[in-house]
Amino acid sequence: MRGAGRTWVSASRHLDTQQNGLWFQLRQGGLPNAELQAAWNAHGEAAFVFEVLEKVTDENSLLIDSLLKEREKHWHAALSADKVLG
């Protein structure tokens, strides 16, 4: 997610619903990430873009969580991004 001159990254198992859930929380003013919520409040929805950076798949469903964490860490470093949550 990009907006207000910053980038936020988060891994998700549910790409099809991730943006809707995130936008809903931001519109309601209830996102736990205070900095992201403040940027949203200051600049508005039109200033933000939701992008899928990478789709991760693995036939072993037990490995998906660790693979997602690894790739999230990679994208945080590569983009000098903040976390969406926590």
Protein backbone atom coordinates (compact mmCIF):
# COMPACT_ATOMS: atom_id res chain seq x y z
CA MET A 1 0.00 0.00 0.00
CA ARG A 2 1.38 3.39 -0.95
CA GLY A 3 0.21 6.83 -0.04
CA ALA A 4 1.20 10.14 1.45
CA GLY A 5 4.82 9.57 0.44
CA ARG A 6 5.12 6.30 2.37
CA THR A 7 4.84 2.58 1.77
CA TRP A 8 3.27 -0.05 4.03
CA VAL A 9 3.60 -3.79 3.46
CA SER A 10 1.71 -6.74 4.89
CA ALA A 11 1.47 -10.40 3.97
CA SER A 12 -1.93 -12.01 3.62
CA ARG A 13 -3.41 -15.42 2.91
CA HIS A 14 -6.52 -13.68 1.57
CA LEU A 15 -5.55 -11.31 -1.24
CA ASP A 16 -9.09 -11.32 -2.61
CA THR A 17 -10.48 -9.63 0.53
CA GLN A 18 -7.42 -7.87 1.96
CA GLN A 19 -8.00 -4.46 0.39
CA ASN A 20 -11.69 -4.36 1.26
CA GLY A 21 -10.98 -5.18 4.90
CA LEU A 22 -8.16 -2.67 5.15
CA TRP A 23 -10.13 0.11 3.45
CA PHE A 24 -13.12 -0.61 5.69
CA GLN A 25 -11.02 -0.23 8.85
CA LEU A 26 -9.42 2.96 7.54
CA ARG A 27 -12.77 4.49 6.53
CA GLN A 28 -14.17 3.71 9.98
CA GLY A 29 -11.10 5.19 11.68
CA GLY A 30 -10.34 1.93 13.43
CA LEU A 31 -7.04 0.72 12.00
CA PRO A 32 -4.68 -0.19 14.88
CA ASN A 33 -1.73 1.39 13.03
CA ALA A 34 -2.06 4.99 14.25
CA GLU A 35 0.46 6.43 11.76
CA LEU A 36 -1.25 4.85 8.76
CA GLN A 37 -4.68 5.88 10.05
CA ALA A 38 -3.46 9.46 10.55
CA ALA A 39 -2.02 9.59 7.02
CA TRP A 40 -5.33 8.27 5.64
CA ASN A 41 -7.28 10.85 7.64
CA ALA A 42 -5.01 13.68 6.51
CA HIS A 43 -4.74 12.80 2.81
CA GLY A 44 -7.90 10.81 2.06
CA GLU A 45 -8.61 7.57 0.28
CA ALA A 46 -7.74 8.95 -3.17
CA ALA A 47 -4.10 9.37 -2.07
CA PHE A 48 -3.63 5.63 -1.45
CA VAL A 49 -2.97 2.68 -3.75
CA PHE A 50 -3.25 -1.01 -2.87
CA GLU A 51 -0.86 -3.24 -4.81
CA VAL A 52 -0.12 -6.95 -4.76
CA LEU A 53 3.67 -7.17 -4.84
CA GLU A 54 3.99 -10.93 -5.08
CA LYS A 55 1.83 -14.04 -4.99
CA VAL A 56 3.33 -16.90 -2.99
CA THR A 57 2.29 -20.48 -3.44
CA ASP A 58 3.52 -23.75 -2.01
CA GLU A 59 2.02 -27.19 -2.27
CA ASN A 60 2.71 -27.75 1.41
CA SER A 61 0.15 -25.58 3.21
CA LEU A 62 2.11 -25.89 6.45
CA LEU A 63 4.94 -23.86 4.92
CA ILE A 64 2.83 -20.96 3.66
CA ASP A 65 2.91 -18.94 6.90
CA SER A 66 6.69 -19.06 7.20
CA LEU A 67 7.09 -18.32 3.50
CA LEU A 68 4.75 -15.32 3.77
CA LYS A 69 6.72 -13.98 6.76
CA GLU A 70 9.97 -14.39 4.83
CA ARG A 71 8.65 -12.56 1.76
CA GLU A 72 7.07 -9.83 3.88
CA LYS A 73 10.45 -9.23 5.53
CA HIS A 74 12.06 -9.08 2.08
CA TRP A 75 9.59 -6.45 0.83
CA HIS A 76 9.93 -4.36 3.98
CA ALA A 77 13.68 -4.18 3.39
CA ALA A 78 13.48 -3.75 -0.39
CA LEU A 79 10.97 -0.89 -0.20
CA SER A 80 11.98 0.62 3.15
CA ALA A 81 8.37 0.03 4.07
CA ASP A 82 6.48 0.15 7.33
CA LYS A 83 4.16 -2.62 8.54
CA VAL A 84 0.44 -2.23 7.98
CA LEU A 85 -0.26 -3.82 11.36
CA GLY A 86 2.02 -4.20 14.34
